[in-house]
Amino acid sequence: MTSFSDKPFREKRLFPRIATQCQVLYRTPESKGWNVARLVDFSAIGMRIECDELLIPGTPVAIQIKPGDDRVVPAILAKGCVVRCEPNIDLRYEVSCKLTKVRPA
């Protein structure tokens, strides 16, 4: 059942998401090396990537963003953990990560 309210919609996120697309590299403790993924969106405390690998929530992850000429996305090195991983219609996985450490690349 859909409910309607007279109250205006209020965003609950502390930081807005910025939608973009660029290549990122990620690795988990089980990885033998860096894996390629696509950045879907990011904020000050998290990001969503699309990859070919099922990543279990709670898995630690290291991420490198090297955007090249894209000035919207900063070049960073980050550490965090997977909070959600869901298959998408392209037979890939959308992985949401909470970032715990971020520094410039």
C-alpha atoms as a PDB file:
ATOM      1  CA  MET A   1       0.000   0.000   0.000  1.00  0.00           C
ATOM      2  CA  THR A   2       1.322   3.430  -0.929  1.00  0.00           C
ATOM      3  CA  SER A   3       1.016   6.188   1.619  1.00  0.00           C
ATOM      4  CA  PHE A   4       1.088   9.880   0.908  1.00  0.00           C
ATOM      5  CA  SER A   5       2.063  12.594   3.300  1.00  0.00           C
ATOM      6  CA  ASP A   6       1.816  16.375   3.416  1.00  0.00           C
ATOM      7  CA  LYS A   7       5.346  16.437   4.817  1.00  0.00           C
ATOM      8  CA  PRO A   8       8.060  17.248   2.249  1.00  0.00           C
ATOM      9  CA  PHE A   9      10.617  14.566   1.385  1.00  0.00           C
ATOM     10  CA  ARG A  10      13.759  14.859   3.480  1.00  0.00           C
ATOM     11  CA  GLU A  11      17.017  13.259   2.401  1.00  0.00           C
ATOM     12  CA  LYS A  12      18.374  11.101   5.211  1.00  0.00           C
ATOM     13  CA  ARG A  13      21.953  10.865   3.925  1.00  0.00           C
ATOM     14  CA  LEU A  14      24.572  12.977   5.644  1.00  0.00           C
ATOM     15  CA  PHE A  15      26.536  13.358   2.404  1.00  0.00           C
ATOM     16  CA  PRO A  16      25.090  13.494  -1.119  1.00  0.00           C
ATOM     17  CA  ARG A  17      25.964  10.828  -3.667  1.00  0.00           C
ATOM     18  CA  ILE A  18      27.729  11.903  -6.833  1.00  0.00           C
ATOM     19  CA  ALA A  19      26.889   9.735  -9.834  1.00  0.00           C
ATOM     20  CA  THR A  20      29.775   9.157 -12.225  1.00  0.00           C
ATOM     21  CA  GLN A  21      31.509   6.483 -14.216  1.00  0.00           C
ATOM     22  CA  CYS A  22      35.184   5.691 -14.199  1.00  0.00           C
ATOM     23  CA  GLN A  23      37.381   2.666 -13.817  1.00  0.00           C
ATOM     24  CA  VAL A  24      38.502   1.648 -10.334  1.00  0.00           C
ATOM     25  CA  LEU A  25      40.731  -1.094  -8.997  1.00  0.00           C
ATOM     26  CA  TYR A  26      39.802  -3.100  -5.923  1.00  0.00           C
ATOM     27  CA  ARG A  27      41.190  -5.981  -3.920  1.00  0.00           C
ATOM     28  CA  THR A  28      40.116  -8.093  -0.994  1.00  0.00           C
ATOM     29  CA  PRO A  29      42.289 -10.151   1.381  1.00  0.00           C
ATOM     30  CA  GLU A  30      41.569 -13.187  -0.854  1.00  0.00           C
ATOM     31  CA  SER A  31      42.569 -11.411  -4.093  1.00  0.00           C
ATOM     32  CA  LYS A  32      45.805 -12.344  -5.806  1.00  0.00           C
ATOM     33  CA  GLY A  33      46.024  -8.852  -7.277  1.00  0.00           C
ATOM     34  CA  TRP A  34      43.959  -5.840  -8.245  1.00  0.00           C
ATOM     35  CA  ASN A  35      40.592  -6.418  -9.939  1.00  0.00           C
ATOM     36  CA  VAL A  36      38.916  -3.980 -12.341  1.00  0.00           C
ATOM     37  CA  ALA A  37      35.500  -2.485 -11.557  1.00  0.00           C
ATOM     38  CA  ARG A  38      33.412   0.535 -12.562  1.00  0.00           C
ATOM     39  CA  LEU A  39      32.565   3.325 -10.139  1.00  0.00           C
ATOM     40  CA  VAL A  40      28.803   3.996 -10.109  1.00  0.00           C
ATOM     41  CA  ASP A  41      28.609   6.715  -7.442  1.00  0.00           C
ATOM     42  CA  PHE A  42      30.415   7.981  -4.367  1.00  0.00           C
ATOM     43  CA  SER A  43      30.058  10.212  -1.336  1.00  0.00           C
ATOM     44  CA  ALA A  44      32.319  11.348   1.484  1.00  0.00           C
ATOM     45  CA  ILE A  45      31.831   8.064   3.363  1.00  0.00           C
ATOM     46  CA  GLY A  46      31.035   5.430   0.764  1.00  0.00           C
ATOM     47  CA  MET A  47      30.903   4.305  -2.825  1.00  0.00           C
ATOM     48  CA  ARG A  48      29.114   1.901  -5.104  1.00  0.00           C
ATOM     49  CA  ILE A  49      31.011  -0.080  -7.698  1.00  0.00           C
ATOM     50  CA  GLU A  50      29.992  -2.595 -10.355  1.00  0.00           C
ATOM     51  CA  CYS A  51      32.151  -5.711 -10.693  1.00  0.00           C
ATOM     52  CA  ASP A  52      32.088  -9.337 -11.866  1.00  0.00           C
ATOM     53  CA  GLU A  53      32.727 -10.816  -8.420  1.00  0.00           C
ATOM     54  CA  LEU A  54      30.275 -11.592  -5.618  1.00  0.00           C
ATOM     55  CA  LEU A  55      31.618  -9.834  -2.513  1.00  0.00           C
ATOM     56  CA  ILE A  56      30.193 -10.865   0.848  1.00  0.00           C
ATOM     57  CA  PRO A  57      29.046  -8.073   3.212  1.00  0.00           C
ATOM     58  CA  GLY A  58      31.708  -7.468   5.862  1.00  0.00           C
ATOM     59  CA  THR A  59      34.582  -8.233   3.465  1.00  0.00           C
ATOM     60  CA  PRO A  60      37.445  -5.721   3.795  1.00  0.00           C
ATOM     61  CA  VAL A  61      38.244  -3.984   0.515  1.00  0.00           C
ATOM     62  CA  ALA A  62      41.002  -1.682  -0.773  1.00  0.00           C
ATOM     63  CA  ILE A  63      40.100   0.633  -3.672  1.00  0.00           C
ATOM     64  CA  GLN A  64      42.134   2.799  -6.040  1.00  0.00           C
ATOM     65  CA  ILE A  65      40.479   5.487  -8.117  1.00  0.00           C
ATOM     66  CA  LYS A  66      42.581   6.858 -10.948  1.00  0.00           C
ATOM     67  CA  PRO A  67      40.144   9.021 -12.898  1.00  0.00           C
ATOM     68  CA  GLY A  68      42.522  10.380 -15.533  1.00  0.00           C
ATOM     69  CA  ASP A  69      40.979  13.485 -17.112  1.00  0.00           C
ATOM     70  CA  ASP A  70      37.686  13.212 -15.186  1.00  0.00           C
ATOM     71  CA  ARG A  71      37.754  16.211 -12.811  1.00  0.00           C
ATOM     72  CA  VAL A  72      34.577  15.146 -10.957  1.00  0.00           C
ATOM     73  CA  VAL A  73      36.241  12.166  -9.310  1.00  0.00           C
ATOM     74  CA  PRO A  74      39.366  12.673  -7.184  1.00  0.00           C
ATOM     75  CA  ALA A  75      42.294  10.257  -7.394  1.00  0.00           C
ATOM     76  CA  ILE A  76      42.217   8.387  -4.079  1.00  0.00           C
ATOM     77  CA  LEU A  77      43.348   5.294  -2.255  1.00  0.00           C
ATOM     78  CA  ALA A  78      40.703   3.976   0.124  1.00  0.00           C
ATOM     79  CA  LYS A  79      40.015   1.168   2.552  1.00  0.00           C
ATOM     80  CA  GLY A  80      36.613   0.063   3.698  1.00  0.00           C
ATOM     81  CA  CYS A  81      34.225  -2.840   3.883  1.00  0.00           C
ATOM     82  CA  VAL A  82      31.409  -4.239   1.782  1.00  0.00           C
ATOM     83  CA  VAL A  83      27.963  -3.435   3.188  1.00  0.00           C
ATOM     84  CA  ARG A  84      25.800  -4.754   0.337  1.00  0.00           C
ATOM     85  CA  CYS A  85      26.271  -6.795  -2.850  1.00  0.00           C
ATOM     86  CA  GLU A  86      23.408  -7.386  -5.280  1.00  0.00           C
ATOM     87  CA  PRO A  87      23.264  -8.812  -8.796  1.00  0.00           C
ATOM     88  CA  ASN A  88      22.144  -6.424 -11.523  1.00  0.00           C
ATOM     89  CA  ILE A  89      20.499  -6.912 -14.910  1.00  0.00           C
ATOM     90  CA  ASP A  90      23.899  -6.997 -16.667  1.00  0.00           C
ATOM     91  CA  LEU A  91      24.833 -10.200 -14.772  1.00  0.00           C
ATOM     92  CA  ARG A  92      27.346  -8.246 -12.716  1.00  0.00           C
ATOM     93  CA  TYR A  93      27.276  -7.173  -9.062  1.00  0.00           C
ATOM     94  CA  GLU A  94      26.608  -3.760  -7.558  1.00  0.00           C
ATOM     95  CA  VAL A  95      28.695  -3.479  -4.419  1.00  0.00           C
ATOM     96  CA  SER A  96      28.188  -0.769  -1.799  1.00  0.00           C
ATOM     97  CA  CYS A  97      31.210  -0.058   0.376  1.00  0.00           C
ATOM     98  CA  LYS A  98      31.560   1.973   3.552  1.00  0.00           C
ATOM     99  CA  LEU A  99      34.893   3.787   3.543  1.00  0.00           C
ATOM    100  CA  THR A 100      36.971   3.761   6.709  1.00  0.00           C
ATOM    101  CA  LYS A 101      40.186   5.359   5.429  1.00  0.00           C
ATOM    102  CA  VAL A 102      40.704   7.667   2.439  1.00  0.00           C
ATOM    103  CA  ARG A 103      43.817   9.463   1.235  1.00  0.00           C
ATOM    104  CA  PRO A 104      44.890  11.193  -1.974  1.00  0.00           C
ATOM    105  CA  ALA A 105      46.572   8.979  -4.545  1.00  0.00           C
END
